[in-house]
C-alpha atoms as a PDB file:
ATOM      1  CA  MET A   1       3.104  15.596   1.573  1.00  0.00           C
ATOM      2  CA  THR A   2       1.348  12.988  -0.551  1.00  0.00           C
ATOM      3  CA  LEU A   3       4.727  11.990  -1.965  1.00  0.00           C
ATOM      4  CA  VAL A   4       6.029  11.400   1.547  1.00  0.00           C
ATOM      5  CA  ALA A   5       2.941   9.384   2.473  1.00  0.00           C
ATOM      6  CA  ASP A   6       3.171   7.315  -0.705  1.00  0.00           C
ATOM      7  CA  ASP A   7       6.874   6.652  -0.152  1.00  0.00           C
ATOM      8  CA  LEU A   8       6.187   5.510   3.413  1.00  0.00           C
ATOM      9  CA  ALA A   9       3.336   3.324   2.173  1.00  0.00           C
ATOM     10  CA  GLN A  10       5.543   1.694  -0.458  1.00  0.00           C
ATOM     11  CA  GLN A  11       8.248   0.971   2.107  1.00  0.00           C
ATOM     12  CA  ALA A  12       5.736  -0.462   4.579  1.00  0.00           C
ATOM     13  CA  LEU A  13       4.191  -2.616   1.859  1.00  0.00           C
ATOM     14  CA  GLU A  14       7.626  -3.953   0.893  1.00  0.00           C
ATOM     15  CA  ILE A  15       8.145  -5.059   4.487  1.00  0.00           C
ATOM     16  CA  TRP A  16       4.619  -6.474   4.648  1.00  0.00           C
ATOM     17  CA  GLU A  17       5.233  -8.531   1.481  1.00  0.00           C
ATOM     18  CA  VAL A  18       8.044 -10.331   3.321  1.00  0.00           C
ATOM     19  CA  THR A  19       6.591 -10.549   6.829  1.00  0.00           C
ATOM     20  CA  ARG A  20       2.800 -10.482   6.212  1.00  0.00           C
ATOM     21  CA  ASP A  21       2.630  -8.651   9.548  1.00  0.00           C
ATOM     22  CA  ASP A  22      -0.039  -5.933   9.491  1.00  0.00           C
ATOM     23  CA  ASP A  23       1.533  -4.356  12.575  1.00  0.00           C
ATOM     24  CA  ILE A  24       3.957  -2.505  10.301  1.00  0.00           C
ATOM     25  CA  PHE A  25       1.090  -0.279   9.167  1.00  0.00           C
ATOM     26  CA  ASP A  26      -0.060   0.348  12.725  1.00  0.00           C
ATOM     27  CA  GLN A  27       3.471   1.198  13.825  1.00  0.00           C
ATOM     28  CA  VAL A  28       4.006   3.711  11.030  1.00  0.00           C
ATOM     29  CA  THR A  29       0.545   5.186  11.588  1.00  0.00           C
ATOM     30  CA  LYS A  30       1.218   5.622  15.294  1.00  0.00           C
ATOM     31  CA  ILE A  31       4.601   7.284  14.734  1.00  0.00           C
ATOM     32  CA  ILE A  32       3.447   9.782  12.129  1.00  0.00           C
ATOM     33  CA  GLY A  33       0.070  10.340  13.769  1.00  0.00           C
ATOM     34  CA  THR A  34       1.659  11.821  16.871  1.00  0.00           C
ATOM     35  CA  SER A  35       3.052  14.662  14.777  1.00  0.00           C
ATOM     36  CA  SER A  36       0.743  15.001  11.792  1.00  0.00           C
ATOM     37  CA  GLN A  37      -2.813  13.781  11.487  1.00  0.00           C
ATOM     38  CA  THR A  38      -2.805  14.921   7.865  1.00  0.00           C
ATOM     39  CA  LEU A  39       0.220  12.753   7.034  1.00  0.00           C
ATOM     40  CA  GLU A  40      -1.339   9.870   8.952  1.00  0.00           C
ATOM     41  CA  GLU A  41      -4.499  10.011   6.835  1.00  0.00           C
ATOM     42  CA  ALA A  42      -2.484  10.383   3.635  1.00  0.00           C
ATOM     43  CA  PHE A  43      -0.414   7.315   4.592  1.00  0.00           C
ATOM     44  CA  LYS A  44      -3.514   5.220   5.273  1.00  0.00           C
ATOM     45  CA  THR A  45      -4.986   6.310   1.952  1.00  0.00           C
ATOM     46  CA  ALA A  46      -1.750   5.533   0.108  1.00  0.00           C
ATOM     47  CA  VAL A  47      -1.649   2.028   1.599  1.00  0.00           C
ATOM     48  CA  ARG A  48      -5.252   1.384   0.517  1.00  0.00           C
ATOM     49  CA  VAL A  49      -4.587   2.746  -2.970  1.00  0.00           C
ATOM     50  CA  ARG A  50      -1.410   0.688  -3.422  1.00  0.00           C
ATOM     51  CA  ARG A  51      -3.151  -2.492  -2.235  1.00  0.00           C
ATOM     52  CA  ALA A  52      -6.096  -1.857  -4.556  1.00  0.00           C
ATOM     53  CA  GLU A  53      -3.728  -1.159  -7.437  1.00  0.00           C
ATOM     54  CA  LYS A  54      -1.931  -4.461  -6.842  1.00  0.00           C
ATOM     55  CA  ARG A  55      -5.196  -6.422  -6.813  1.00  0.00           C
ATOM     56  CA  ALA A  56      -6.386  -4.699  -9.986  1.00  0.00           C
ATOM     57  CA  ARG A  57      -3.111  -5.322 -11.817  1.00  0.00           C
ATOM     58  CA  GLU A  58      -3.173  -8.991 -10.800  1.00  0.00           C
ATOM     59  CA  MET A  59      -6.733  -9.360 -12.098  1.00  0.00           C
ATOM     60  CA  LEU A  60      -5.866  -7.630 -15.367  1.00  0.00           C
ATOM     61  CA  ALA A  61      -2.814  -9.860 -15.820  1.00  0.00           C
ATOM     62  CA  GLU A  62      -5.024 -12.924 -15.323  1.00  0.00           C
ATOM     63  CA  GLU A  63      -7.522 -11.638 -17.879  1.00  0.00           C
ATOM     64  CA  LYS A  64      -4.750 -10.921 -20.390  1.00  0.00           C
ATOM     65  CA  ALA A  65      -3.382 -14.427 -19.851  1.00  0.00           C
ATOM     66  CA  LYS A  66      -6.826 -15.891 -20.565  1.00  0.00           C
ATOM     67  CA  LEU A  67      -7.024 -13.926 -23.807  1.00  0.00           C
ATOM     68  CA  GLY A  68      -3.631 -15.229 -24.860  1.00  0.00           C
ATOM     69  CA  LYS A  69      -4.733 -18.829 -24.268  1.00  0.00           C
ATOM     70  CA  GLY A  70      -8.052 -18.506 -26.123  1.00  0.00           C
END
């Protein structure tokens, strides 16, 4: 189930990267939430984790770049 949620999160984030429309997350949440509250929560968690991962990787890349310049 977590694999399904993560896959859905990755697909939604790909769309969000292009559109910057947060409604994509609400739409997916609404669709899956009508059938599975567990999947809904897993999806929301996967989106948060993927967004946090992206921010952390960006910060680490910036820090590595600073080290290379120093």
